[in-house]
Amino acid sequence: MVADAGKKTTRRAADNSSTAFTYARHSVPHVQHSERNEDALLVDEKHGLAAVFDGVGSNQGQIASRLAVRTLRSRWRHVLDALVIDEQLPCLSCEQLEISSVIQQLISEVNQEIILEGDRLAGKGTRPQARPATTMALIALCAQTGQQSYTMTYAHAGDSRIYLLRETEHLLRLTEDDGYFSLLLREGALTPADIIRIDQALTVDQLTHIERSYFDKRNGITQALGDKDLALHLDQIQIFPGDRVLICSDGIHDNLIDEEIETIMRSATRTRVAYKLVMKAIQRSLENGGSLRAKNDDMSAIVISCHR
């Protein structure tokens, strides 16, 4: 089943003993617009596809994130309809299709639909700067015949992130935000180490005055789905039993540092881990006393746990 979450608070987990993966997800809208969630999630636990979209802006962002889910779901079903699927496998076989090419094509089609929707709205007099756009973080899993591992293809645009936690290693961020820090890095104003240190600050006294100004601008993004010149980031990595993968909107990682994310991902049960992450991020966002990281936002997390 392909499931998606948008407007309502969502907490579900697929934990079928016949599969190698547990998919847990939770999504909560911004406290100031509880009737509207600009994040949208898509999870197909049976075939190994999961994605988080975070709409940019207000109403136009919600249009973009929901359109992205609808389009991706529809195009993905067309891909599946053309395959003879081995129901004994926990996801698609890597031998059945060139998954990187498929994902790249699917995202291109999603992007084109958002662009067309922007053109349609512009024809109605919508301001150009209000065109629909959404960030994206997406993973697709496939099984390697005769191996005790899986190939995960992952892609992103904007500042939604993908993390990997292995049993014996620290949390690894697989994606680099398309944001303000990337511009500073390109200009030579900051080093990669500077960016990590500033991005992971918990208190004001950890930053200089200029670094605080950088920190406050970190939410600006340089690209998203809906851009005509989208430069998609796409890569692959092996997934092993014991691994956990997190896909999240910036409401999670803006409020929580990587160390806090790792602690929750390592300690929470596989059916509750996404809920725990969102609840911790909400708790931080509501902190009084001007917490450096406190930020009200839509908050969404999908956690995939590989257990065999």
C-alpha atoms as a PDB file:
ATOM      1  CA  MET A   1       0.000   0.000   0.000  1.00  0.00           C
ATOM      2  CA  VAL A   2       1.163   3.499  -0.795  1.00  0.00           C
ATOM      3  CA  ALA A   3       0.289   5.817   2.089  1.00  0.00           C
ATOM      4  CA  ASP A   4       0.659   9.552   2.412  1.00  0.00           C
ATOM      5  CA  ALA A   5       0.238  12.101   5.166  1.00  0.00           C
ATOM      6  CA  GLY A   6      -0.470  15.779   4.883  1.00  0.00           C
ATOM      7  CA  LYS A   7      -2.971  17.815   6.852  1.00  0.00           C
ATOM      8  CA  LYS A   8      -3.566  15.638   9.897  1.00  0.00           C
ATOM      9  CA  THR A   9      -1.202  14.462  12.571  1.00  0.00           C
ATOM     10  CA  THR A  10      -0.041  11.030  11.485  1.00  0.00           C
ATOM     11  CA  ARG A  11       1.568   8.285  13.486  1.00  0.00           C
ATOM     12  CA  ARG A  12       1.747   4.901  11.836  1.00  0.00           C
ATOM     13  CA  ALA A  13       4.234   2.105  11.563  1.00  0.00           C
ATOM     14  CA  ALA A  14       4.327  -0.889   9.273  1.00  0.00           C
ATOM     15  CA  ASP A  15       6.050  -3.738  11.101  1.00  0.00           C
ATOM     16  CA  ASN A  16       5.235  -6.880   9.157  1.00  0.00           C
ATOM     17  CA  SER A  17       7.198  -9.951  10.177  1.00  0.00           C
ATOM     18  CA  SER A  18       7.368 -11.015   6.531  1.00  0.00           C
ATOM     19  CA  THR A  19       9.470  -8.009   5.560  1.00  0.00           C
ATOM     20  CA  ALA A  20      12.962  -6.864   6.435  1.00  0.00           C
ATOM     21  CA  PHE A  21      11.942  -3.266   7.102  1.00  0.00           C
ATOM     22  CA  THR A  22       9.820  -1.303   9.529  1.00  0.00           C
ATOM     23  CA  TYR A  23       8.541   2.071   8.335  1.00  0.00           C
ATOM     24  CA  ALA A  24       7.539   4.501  11.083  1.00  0.00           C
ATOM     25  CA  ARG A  25       6.289   7.998  10.292  1.00  0.00           C
ATOM     26  CA  HIS A  26       4.866  10.956  12.134  1.00  0.00           C
ATOM     27  CA  SER A  27       3.857  14.402  10.891  1.00  0.00           C
ATOM     28  CA  VAL A  28       2.521  17.367  12.865  1.00  0.00           C
ATOM     29  CA  PRO A  29       1.542  20.793  11.462  1.00  0.00           C
ATOM     30  CA  HIS A  30       2.801  24.154  12.706  1.00  0.00           C
ATOM     31  CA  VAL A  31       1.104  25.208  15.958  1.00  0.00           C
ATOM     32  CA  GLN A  32      -0.024  28.468  14.332  1.00  0.00           C
ATOM     33  CA  HIS A  33      -1.843  26.699  11.473  1.00  0.00           C
ATOM     34  CA  SER A  34      -2.866  23.348  12.917  1.00  0.00           C
ATOM     35  CA  GLU A  35      -5.470  22.936  10.173  1.00  0.00           C
ATOM     36  CA  ARG A  36      -2.817  23.021   7.444  1.00  0.00           C
ATOM     37  CA  ASN A  37       0.335  20.910   7.104  1.00  0.00           C
ATOM     38  CA  GLU A  38       2.701  22.070   4.372  1.00  0.00           C
ATOM     39  CA  ASP A  39       4.721  18.867   4.774  1.00  0.00           C
ATOM     40  CA  ALA A  40       3.544  15.819   2.836  1.00  0.00           C
ATOM     41  CA  LEU A  41       4.774  12.233   3.186  1.00  0.00           C
ATOM     42  CA  LEU A  42       4.654   9.233   0.893  1.00  0.00           C
ATOM     43  CA  VAL A  43       5.476   5.703   2.073  1.00  0.00           C
ATOM     44  CA  ASP A  44       5.228   2.488   0.060  1.00  0.00           C
ATOM     45  CA  GLU A  45       6.588  -0.050   2.541  1.00  0.00           C
ATOM     46  CA  LYS A  46       5.810  -2.987   0.257  1.00  0.00           C
ATOM     47  CA  HIS A  47       8.011  -1.733  -2.572  1.00  0.00           C
ATOM     48  CA  GLY A  48      10.630   0.271  -0.679  1.00  0.00           C
ATOM     49  CA  LEU A  49       9.839   3.897  -1.521  1.00  0.00           C
ATOM     50  CA  ALA A  50       9.572   6.770   0.977  1.00  0.00           C
ATOM     51  CA  ALA A  51       9.692  10.550   0.663  1.00  0.00           C
ATOM     52  CA  VAL A  52       9.182  13.782   2.593  1.00  0.00           C
ATOM     53  CA  PHE A  53       8.160  17.011   0.861  1.00  0.00           C
ATOM     54  CA  ASP A  54       8.170  20.368   2.673  1.00  0.00           C
ATOM     55  CA  GLY A  55       6.234  23.051   0.852  1.00  0.00           C
ATOM     56  CA  VAL A  56       8.013  26.389   0.446  1.00  0.00           C
ATOM     57  CA  GLY A  57       5.937  29.303   1.629  1.00  0.00           C
ATOM     58  CA  SER A  58       2.327  29.123   2.724  1.00  0.00           C
ATOM     59  CA  ASN A  59      -0.606  28.084   0.537  1.00  0.00           C
ATOM     60  CA  GLN A  60       1.563  27.679  -2.562  1.00  0.00           C
ATOM     61  CA  GLY A  61       3.907  25.422  -0.615  1.00  0.00           C
ATOM     62  CA  GLN A  62       1.078  23.161   0.444  1.00  0.00           C
ATOM     63  CA  ILE A  63      -0.085  22.972  -3.165  1.00  0.00           C
ATOM     64  CA  ALA A  64       3.412  21.927  -4.263  1.00  0.00           C
ATOM     65  CA  SER A  65       4.024  19.301  -1.575  1.00  0.00           C
ATOM     66  CA  ARG A  66       0.648  17.645  -2.083  1.00  0.00           C
ATOM     67  CA  LEU A  67       0.988  17.749  -5.859  1.00  0.00           C
ATOM     68  CA  ALA A  68       4.419  16.139  -5.506  1.00  0.00           C
ATOM     69  CA  VAL A  69       2.958  13.246  -3.498  1.00  0.00           C
ATOM     70  CA  ARG A  70       0.050  12.722  -5.902  1.00  0.00           C
ATOM     71  CA  THR A  71       2.279  12.787  -8.961  1.00  0.00           C
ATOM     72  CA  LEU A  72       4.967  10.558  -7.476  1.00  0.00           C
ATOM     73  CA  ARG A  73       2.375   8.041  -6.286  1.00  0.00           C
ATOM     74  CA  SER A  74       0.765   7.898  -9.728  1.00  0.00           C
ATOM     75  CA  ARG A  75       4.031   7.608 -11.672  1.00  0.00           C
ATOM     76  CA  TRP A  76       5.408   5.016  -9.226  1.00  0.00           C
ATOM     77  CA  ARG A  77       2.331   2.855  -9.750  1.00  0.00           C
ATOM     78  CA  HIS A  78       2.932   2.968 -13.498  1.00  0.00           C
ATOM     79  CA  VAL A  79       6.469   1.688 -12.891  1.00  0.00           C
ATOM     80  CA  LEU A  80       5.196  -1.124 -10.656  1.00  0.00           C
ATOM     81  CA  ASP A  81       2.481  -2.127 -13.125  1.00  0.00           C
ATOM     82  CA  ALA A  82       5.159  -2.888 -15.720  1.00  0.00           C
ATOM     83  CA  LEU A  83       7.043  -5.280 -13.406  1.00  0.00           C
ATOM     84  CA  VAL A  84       6.594  -8.898 -12.374  1.00  0.00           C
ATOM     85  CA  ILE A  85       7.118  -8.495  -8.638  1.00  0.00           C
ATOM     86  CA  ASP A  86       8.490 -11.242  -6.401  1.00  0.00           C
ATOM     87  CA  GLU A  87       6.209 -11.031  -3.364  1.00  0.00           C
ATOM     88  CA  GLN A  88       8.753 -12.945  -1.266  1.00  0.00           C
ATOM     89  CA  LEU A  89      11.184 -10.038  -1.402  1.00  0.00           C
ATOM     90  CA  PRO A  90      10.904  -7.173   1.124  1.00  0.00           C
ATOM     91  CA  CYS A  91      11.276  -4.647  -1.705  1.00  0.00           C
ATOM     92  CA  LEU A  92      11.907  -4.627  -5.446  1.00  0.00           C
ATOM     93  CA  SER A  93      14.816  -6.607  -6.851  1.00  0.00           C
ATOM     94  CA  CYS A  94      17.737  -4.476  -8.017  1.00  0.00           C
ATOM     95  CA  GLU A  95      17.873  -6.700 -11.101  1.00  0.00           C
ATOM     96  CA  GLN A  96      14.373  -5.708 -12.191  1.00  0.00           C
ATOM     97  CA  LEU A  97      15.106  -2.101 -13.084  1.00  0.00           C
ATOM     98  CA  GLU A  98      17.785   0.569 -13.118  1.00  0.00           C
ATOM     99  CA  ILE A  99      16.508   2.219  -9.980  1.00  0.00           C
ATOM    100  CA  SER A 100      18.675   5.368 -10.202  1.00  0.00           C
ATOM    101  CA  SER A 101      17.384   6.140 -13.684  1.00  0.00           C
ATOM    102  CA  VAL A 102      13.812   5.420 -12.635  1.00  0.00           C
ATOM    103  CA  ILE A 103      14.019   7.722  -9.612  1.00  0.00           C
ATOM    104  CA  GLN A 104      15.634  10.481 -11.653  1.00  0.00           C
ATOM    105  CA  GLN A 105      12.853  10.239 -14.233  1.00  0.00           C
ATOM    106  CA  LEU A 106      10.113  10.171 -11.595  1.00  0.00           C
ATOM    107  CA  ILE A 107      11.466  13.285  -9.889  1.00  0.00           C
ATOM    108  CA  SER A 108      11.806  15.042 -13.234  1.00  0.00           C
ATOM    109  CA  GLU A 109       8.134  14.342 -13.916  1.00  0.00           C
ATOM    110  CA  VAL A 110       7.133  15.548 -10.452  1.00  0.00           C
ATOM    111  CA  ASN A 111       9.147  18.730 -10.964  1.00  0.00           C
ATOM    112  CA  GLN A 112       7.523  19.334 -14.339  1.00  0.00           C
ATOM    113  CA  GLU A 113       4.039  18.972 -12.850  1.00  0.00           C
ATOM    114  CA  ILE A 114       4.845  21.579 -10.197  1.00  0.00           C
ATOM    115  CA  ILE A 115       6.234  23.931 -12.856  1.00  0.00           C
ATOM    116  CA  LEU A 116       3.067  23.480 -14.935  1.00  0.00           C
ATOM    117  CA  GLU A 117       0.932  24.205 -11.881  1.00  0.00           C
ATOM    118  CA  GLY A 118       2.961  27.369 -11.342  1.00  0.00           C
ATOM    119  CA  ASP A 119       2.342  28.383 -14.954  1.00  0.00           C
ATOM    120  CA  ARG A 120      -1.371  27.737 -14.513  1.00  0.00           C
ATOM    121  CA  LEU A 121      -1.506  29.855 -11.360  1.00  0.00           C
ATOM    122  CA  ALA A 122       0.536  32.600 -13.035  1.00  0.00           C
ATOM    123  CA  GLY A 123      -2.058  32.679 -15.799  1.00  0.00           C
ATOM    124  CA  LYS A 124      -4.623  33.465 -13.128  1.00  0.00           C
ATOM    125  CA  GLY A 125      -2.579  36.436 -11.947  1.00  0.00           C
ATOM    126  CA  THR A 126      -0.631  34.768  -9.141  1.00  0.00           C
ATOM    127  CA  ARG A 127       2.519  36.739  -8.312  1.00  0.00           C
ATOM    128  CA  PRO A 128       5.688  35.158  -9.830  1.00  0.00           C
ATOM    129  CA  GLN A 129       7.423  35.017  -6.436  1.00  0.00           C
ATOM    130  CA  ALA A 130       4.517  32.942  -5.092  1.00  0.00           C
ATOM    131  CA  ARG A 131       4.956  30.045  -7.529  1.00  0.00           C
ATOM    132  CA  PRO A 132       4.547  26.624  -5.866  1.00  0.00           C
ATOM    133  CA  ALA A 133       7.738  24.920  -4.719  1.00  0.00           C
ATOM    134  CA  THR A 134       8.683  22.178  -2.294  1.00  0.00           C
ATOM    135  CA  THR A 135      11.788  20.578  -0.873  1.00  0.00           C
ATOM    136  CA  MET A 136      12.207  16.827  -1.237  1.00  0.00           C
ATOM    137  CA  ALA A 137      14.061  13.967   0.419  1.00  0.00           C
ATOM    138  CA  LEU A 138      13.418  10.533  -1.086  1.00  0.00           C
ATOM    139  CA  ILE A 139      14.771   7.002  -0.773  1.00  0.00           C
ATOM    140  CA  ALA A 140      14.163   3.828  -2.777  1.00  0.00           C
ATOM    141  CA  LEU A 141      15.334   0.396  -1.618  1.00  0.00           C
ATOM    142  CA  CYS A 142      16.039  -2.650  -3.722  1.00  0.00           C
ATOM    143  CA  ALA A 143      17.240  -6.148  -2.816  1.00  0.00           C
ATOM    144  CA  GLN A 144      20.450  -7.672  -4.148  1.00  0.00           C
ATOM    145  CA  THR A 145      20.046 -11.354  -5.027  1.00  0.00           C
ATOM    146  CA  GLY A 146      21.973 -13.617  -2.672  1.00  0.00           C
ATOM    147  CA  GLN A 147      23.232 -10.776  -0.458  1.00  0.00           C
ATOM    148  CA  GLN A 148      22.479  -9.789   3.130  1.00  0.00           C
ATOM    149  CA  SER A 149      22.247  -6.125   2.199  1.00  0.00           C
ATOM    150  CA  TYR A 150      20.125  -3.732   0.169  1.00  0.00           C
ATOM    151  CA  THR A 151      20.885  -0.847  -2.156  1.00  0.00           C
ATOM    152  CA  MET A 152      19.338   2.472  -1.193  1.00  0.00           C
ATOM    153  CA  THR A 153      19.069   5.128  -3.859  1.00  0.00           C
ATOM    154  CA  TYR A 154      18.467   8.539  -2.337  1.00  0.00           C
ATOM    155  CA  ALA A 155      17.761  11.979  -3.740  1.00  0.00           C
ATOM    156  CA  HIS A 156      17.076  15.428  -2.372  1.00  0.00           C
ATOM    157  CA  ALA A 157      16.487  19.068  -3.210  1.00  0.00           C
ATOM    158  CA  GLY A 158      16.313  21.890  -0.683  1.00  0.00           C
ATOM    159  CA  ASP A 159      16.866  21.380   3.043  1.00  0.00           C
ATOM    160  CA  SER A 160      14.901  18.238   3.841  1.00  0.00           C
ATOM    161  CA  ARG A 161      17.463  15.685   4.990  1.00  0.00           C
ATOM    162  CA  ILE A 162      18.342  12.001   4.957  1.00  0.00           C
ATOM    163  CA  TYR A 163      20.399  10.453   7.761  1.00  0.00           C
ATOM    164  CA  LEU A 164      21.859   6.961   8.200  1.00  0.00           C
ATOM    165  CA  LEU A 165      22.547   5.343  11.573  1.00  0.00           C
ATOM    166  CA  ARG A 166      24.505   2.093  11.654  1.00  0.00           C
ATOM    167  CA  GLU A 167      24.713  -0.036  14.793  1.00  0.00           C
ATOM    168  CA  THR A 168      28.422   0.606  15.414  1.00  0.00           C
ATOM    169  CA  GLU A 169      28.840   4.070  13.865  1.00  0.00           C
ATOM    170  CA  HIS A 170      27.755   7.625  14.633  1.00  0.00           C
ATOM    171  CA  LEU A 171      24.880   9.247  12.787  1.00  0.00           C
ATOM    172  CA  LEU A 172      25.791  10.101   9.189  1.00  0.00           C
ATOM    173  CA  ARG A 173      24.076  12.886   7.296  1.00  0.00           C
ATOM    174  CA  LEU A 174      23.786  11.706   3.702  1.00  0.00           C
ATOM    175  CA  THR A 175      22.524  14.981   2.227  1.00  0.00           C
ATOM    176  CA  GLU A 176      23.906  18.506   2.094  1.00  0.00           C
ATOM    177  CA  ASP A 177      21.326  21.282   2.244  1.00  0.00           C
ATOM    178  CA  ASP A 178      20.742  23.496  -0.768  1.00  0.00           C
ATOM    179  CA  GLY A 179      20.855  26.572   1.417  1.00  0.00           C
ATOM    180  CA  TYR A 180      22.604  29.643   2.711  1.00  0.00           C
ATOM    181  CA  PHE A 181      25.548  27.690   4.101  1.00  0.00           C
ATOM    182  CA  SER A 182      26.241  26.231   0.661  1.00  0.00           C
ATOM    183  CA  LEU A 183      26.553  29.770  -0.721  1.00  0.00           C
ATOM    184  CA  LEU A 184      28.987  30.756   2.043  1.00  0.00           C
ATOM    185  CA  LEU A 185      31.025  27.629   1.355  1.00  0.00           C
ATOM    186  CA  ARG A 186      31.154  28.408  -2.357  1.00  0.00           C
ATOM    187  CA  GLU A 187      32.288  31.966  -1.616  1.00  0.00           C
ATOM    188  CA  GLY A 188      34.997  30.738   0.763  1.00  0.00           C
ATOM    189  CA  ALA A 189      33.477  32.551   3.739  1.00  0.00           C
ATOM    190  CA  LEU A 190      33.171  29.291   5.698  1.00  0.00           C
ATOM    191  CA  THR A 191      34.838  25.886   5.692  1.00  0.00           C
ATOM    192  CA  PRO A 192      32.847  22.620   5.919  1.00  0.00           C
ATOM    193  CA  ALA A 193      33.962  22.325   9.558  1.00  0.00           C
ATOM    194  CA  ASP A 194      32.701  25.867  10.280  1.00  0.00           C
ATOM    195  CA  ILE A 195      29.324  25.028   8.772  1.00  0.00           C
ATOM    196  CA  ILE A 196      28.907  21.901  10.883  1.00  0.00           C
ATOM    197  CA  ARG A 197      29.893  23.743  14.060  1.00  0.00           C
ATOM    198  CA  ILE A 198      27.512  26.642  13.432  1.00  0.00           C
ATOM    199  CA  ASP A 199      24.683  24.404  12.269  1.00  0.00           C
ATOM    200  CA  GLN A 200      24.993  22.239  15.396  1.00  0.00           C
ATOM    201  CA  ALA A 201      25.131  25.065  17.950  1.00  0.00           C
ATOM    202  CA  LEU A 202      22.793  24.712  20.922  1.00  0.00           C
ATOM    203  CA  THR A 203      23.434  28.010  22.733  1.00  0.00           C
ATOM    204  CA  VAL A 204      24.201  31.583  21.704  1.00  0.00           C
ATOM    205  CA  ASP A 205      27.558  31.600  23.489  1.00  0.00           C
ATOM    206  CA  GLN A 206      28.839  28.959  21.063  1.00  0.00           C
ATOM    207  CA  LEU A 207      28.725  31.479  18.208  1.00  0.00           C
ATOM    208  CA  THR A 208      30.410  34.768  17.386  1.00  0.00           C
ATOM    209  CA  HIS A 209      28.260  37.720  16.350  1.00  0.00           C
ATOM    210  CA  ILE A 210      28.783  37.075  12.629  1.00  0.00           C
ATOM    211  CA  GLU A 211      28.256  33.327  13.088  1.00  0.00           C
ATOM    212  CA  ARG A 212      24.943  34.065  14.798  1.00  0.00           C
ATOM    213  CA  SER A 213      23.877  36.047  11.744  1.00  0.00           C
ATOM    214  CA  TYR A 214      24.803  33.068   9.555  1.00  0.00           C
ATOM    215  CA  PHE A 215      22.853  30.748  11.861  1.00  0.00           C
ATOM    216  CA  ASP A 216      19.741  32.924  11.666  1.00  0.00           C
ATOM    217  CA  LYS A 217      19.821  32.809   7.843  1.00  0.00           C
ATOM    218  CA  ARG A 218      20.364  29.064   7.550  1.00  0.00           C
ATOM    219  CA  ASN A 219      16.754  28.354   6.560  1.00  0.00           C
ATOM    220  CA  GLY A 220      17.044  30.053   3.196  1.00  0.00           C
ATOM    221  CA  ILE A 221      17.191  27.526   0.345  1.00  0.00           C
ATOM    222  CA  THR A 222      18.771  27.873  -3.071  1.00  0.00           C
ATOM    223  CA  GLN A 223      16.619  25.382  -4.966  1.00  0.00           C
ATOM    224  CA  ALA A 224      13.516  23.214  -4.678  1.00  0.00           C
ATOM    225  CA  LEU A 225      11.130  21.211  -6.818  1.00  0.00           C
ATOM    226  CA  GLY A 226       9.331  23.723  -8.994  1.00  0.00           C
ATOM    227  CA  ASP A 227      12.584  25.261 -10.256  1.00  0.00           C
ATOM    228  CA  LYS A 228      13.047  25.021 -14.016  1.00  0.00           C
ATOM    229  CA  ASP A 229      16.822  24.575 -13.645  1.00  0.00           C
ATOM    230  CA  LEU A 230      16.696  21.992 -10.839  1.00  0.00           C
ATOM    231  CA  ALA A 231      20.058  20.319 -10.122  1.00  0.00           C
ATOM    232  CA  LEU A 232      19.014  17.055  -8.480  1.00  0.00           C
ATOM    233  CA  HIS A 233      21.294  15.375  -5.940  1.00  0.00           C
ATOM    234  CA  LEU A 234      21.179  11.583  -6.309  1.00  0.00           C
ATOM    235  CA  ASP A 235      23.390   8.845  -4.866  1.00  0.00           C
ATOM    236  CA  GLN A 236      23.396   5.250  -3.580  1.00  0.00           C
ATOM    237  CA  ILE A 237      24.559   3.447  -0.442  1.00  0.00           C
ATOM    238  CA  GLN A 238      24.322  -0.089   0.946  1.00  0.00           C
ATOM    239  CA  ILE A 239      21.911  -0.791   3.806  1.00  0.00           C
ATOM    240  CA  PHE A 240      22.541  -3.643   6.258  1.00  0.00           C
ATOM    241  CA  PRO A 241      20.516  -5.312   9.028  1.00  0.00           C
ATOM    242  CA  GLY A 242      20.619  -3.052  12.091  1.00  0.00           C
ATOM    243  CA  ASP A 243      20.683   0.167  10.050  1.00  0.00           C
ATOM    244  CA  ARG A 244      18.151   2.945  10.462  1.00  0.00           C
ATOM    245  CA  VAL A 245      17.401   5.646   7.900  1.00  0.00           C
ATOM    246  CA  LEU A 246      15.751   8.963   8.771  1.00  0.00           C
ATOM    247  CA  ILE A 247      14.012  11.197   6.237  1.00  0.00           C
ATOM    248  CA  CYS A 248      12.852  14.489   7.730  1.00  0.00           C
ATOM    249  CA  SER A 249      11.753  18.038   7.059  1.00  0.00           C
ATOM    250  CA  ASP A 250      13.717  20.945   8.511  1.00  0.00           C
ATOM    251  CA  GLY A 251      11.325  21.212  11.440  1.00  0.00           C
ATOM    252  CA  ILE A 252      13.203  18.256  12.925  1.00  0.00           C
ATOM    253  CA  HIS A 253      16.837  19.193  12.300  1.00  0.00           C
ATOM    254  CA  ASP A 254      16.339  22.919  12.911  1.00  0.00           C
ATOM    255  CA  ASN A 255      15.190  22.152  16.446  1.00  0.00           C
ATOM    256  CA  LEU A 256      17.421  19.164  17.192  1.00  0.00           C
ATOM    257  CA  ILE A 257      21.155  18.745  16.722  1.00  0.00           C
ATOM    258  CA  ASP A 258      22.543  15.557  15.219  1.00  0.00           C
ATOM    259  CA  GLU A 259      23.607  14.203  18.613  1.00  0.00           C
ATOM    260  CA  GLU A 260      20.036  14.449  19.891  1.00  0.00           C
ATOM    261  CA  ILE A 261      18.696  12.821  16.736  1.00  0.00           C
ATOM    262  CA  GLU A 262      21.180   9.964  17.106  1.00  0.00           C
ATOM    263  CA  THR A 263      20.255   9.375  20.748  1.00  0.00           C
ATOM    264  CA  ILE A 264      16.570   9.018  19.899  1.00  0.00           C
ATOM    265  CA  MET A 265      17.192   6.893  16.812  1.00  0.00           C
ATOM    266  CA  ARG A 266      19.388   4.539  18.791  1.00  0.00           C
ATOM    267  CA  SER A 267      17.122   4.176  21.829  1.00  0.00           C
ATOM    268  CA  ALA A 268      13.533   4.324  20.554  1.00  0.00           C
ATOM    269  CA  THR A 269      11.678   1.254  19.334  1.00  0.00           C
ATOM    270  CA  ARG A 270      11.387   0.911  15.590  1.00  0.00           C
ATOM    271  CA  THR A 271       7.626   1.569  15.636  1.00  0.00           C
ATOM    272  CA  ARG A 272       7.892   4.663  17.871  1.00  0.00           C
ATOM    273  CA  VAL A 273      11.112   6.289  16.728  1.00  0.00           C
ATOM    274  CA  ALA A 274       9.538   8.757  14.267  1.00  0.00           C
ATOM    275  CA  TYR A 275       6.989   9.828  16.880  1.00  0.00           C
ATOM    276  CA  LYS A 276       9.744  10.325  19.466  1.00  0.00           C
ATOM    277  CA  LEU A 277      11.754  12.516  17.089  1.00  0.00           C
ATOM    278  CA  VAL A 278       8.792  14.738  16.267  1.00  0.00           C
ATOM    279  CA  MET A 279       7.751  15.050  19.913  1.00  0.00           C
ATOM    280  CA  LYS A 280      11.289  16.019  20.965  1.00  0.00           C
ATOM    281  CA  ALA A 281      11.437  18.619  18.188  1.00  0.00           C
ATOM    282  CA  ILE A 282       8.077  20.042  19.266  1.00  0.00           C
ATOM    283  CA  GLN A 283       9.280  20.204  22.862  1.00  0.00           C
ATOM    284  CA  ARG A 284      12.337  22.200  21.766  1.00  0.00           C
ATOM    285  CA  SER A 285      10.241  24.513  19.591  1.00  0.00           C
ATOM    286  CA  LEU A 286       8.118  25.478  22.595  1.00  0.00           C
ATOM    287  CA  GLU A 287      10.999  26.222  24.947  1.00  0.00           C
ATOM    288  CA  ASN A 288      10.771  29.565  26.714  1.00  0.00           C
ATOM    289  CA  GLY A 289      13.718  31.860  27.310  1.00  0.00           C
ATOM    290  CA  GLY A 290      14.733  32.375  23.709  1.00  0.00           C
ATOM    291  CA  SER A 291      16.318  29.009  22.964  1.00  0.00           C
ATOM    292  CA  LEU A 292      18.715  29.378  20.031  1.00  0.00           C
ATOM    293  CA  ARG A 293      17.205  26.477  18.091  1.00  0.00           C
ATOM    294  CA  ALA A 294      13.530  26.813  19.053  1.00  0.00           C
ATOM    295  CA  LYS A 295      11.509  27.130  15.852  1.00  0.00           C
ATOM    296  CA  ASN A 296       7.819  26.535  15.236  1.00  0.00           C
ATOM    297  CA  ASP A 297       7.286  24.636  12.006  1.00  0.00           C
ATOM    298  CA  ASP A 298       5.596  21.659  10.425  1.00  0.00           C
ATOM    299  CA  MET A 299       7.534  18.615  11.624  1.00  0.00           C
ATOM    300  CA  SER A 300       7.769  15.312   9.797  1.00  0.00           C
ATOM    301  CA  ALA A 301       9.889  12.197  10.104  1.00  0.00           C
ATOM    302  CA  ILE A 302      10.021   8.806   8.426  1.00  0.00           C
ATOM    303  CA  VAL A 303      12.345   6.209   9.960  1.00  0.00           C
ATOM    304  CA  ILE A 304      13.096   2.955   8.159  1.00  0.00           C
ATOM    305  CA  SER A 305      14.624   0.215  10.318  1.00  0.00           C
ATOM    306  CA  CYS A 306      16.320  -2.734   8.611  1.00  0.00           C
ATOM    307  CA  HIS A 307      16.133  -5.837  10.786  1.00  0.00           C
ATOM    308  CA  ARG A 308      17.048  -8.728   8.501  1.00  0.00           C
END
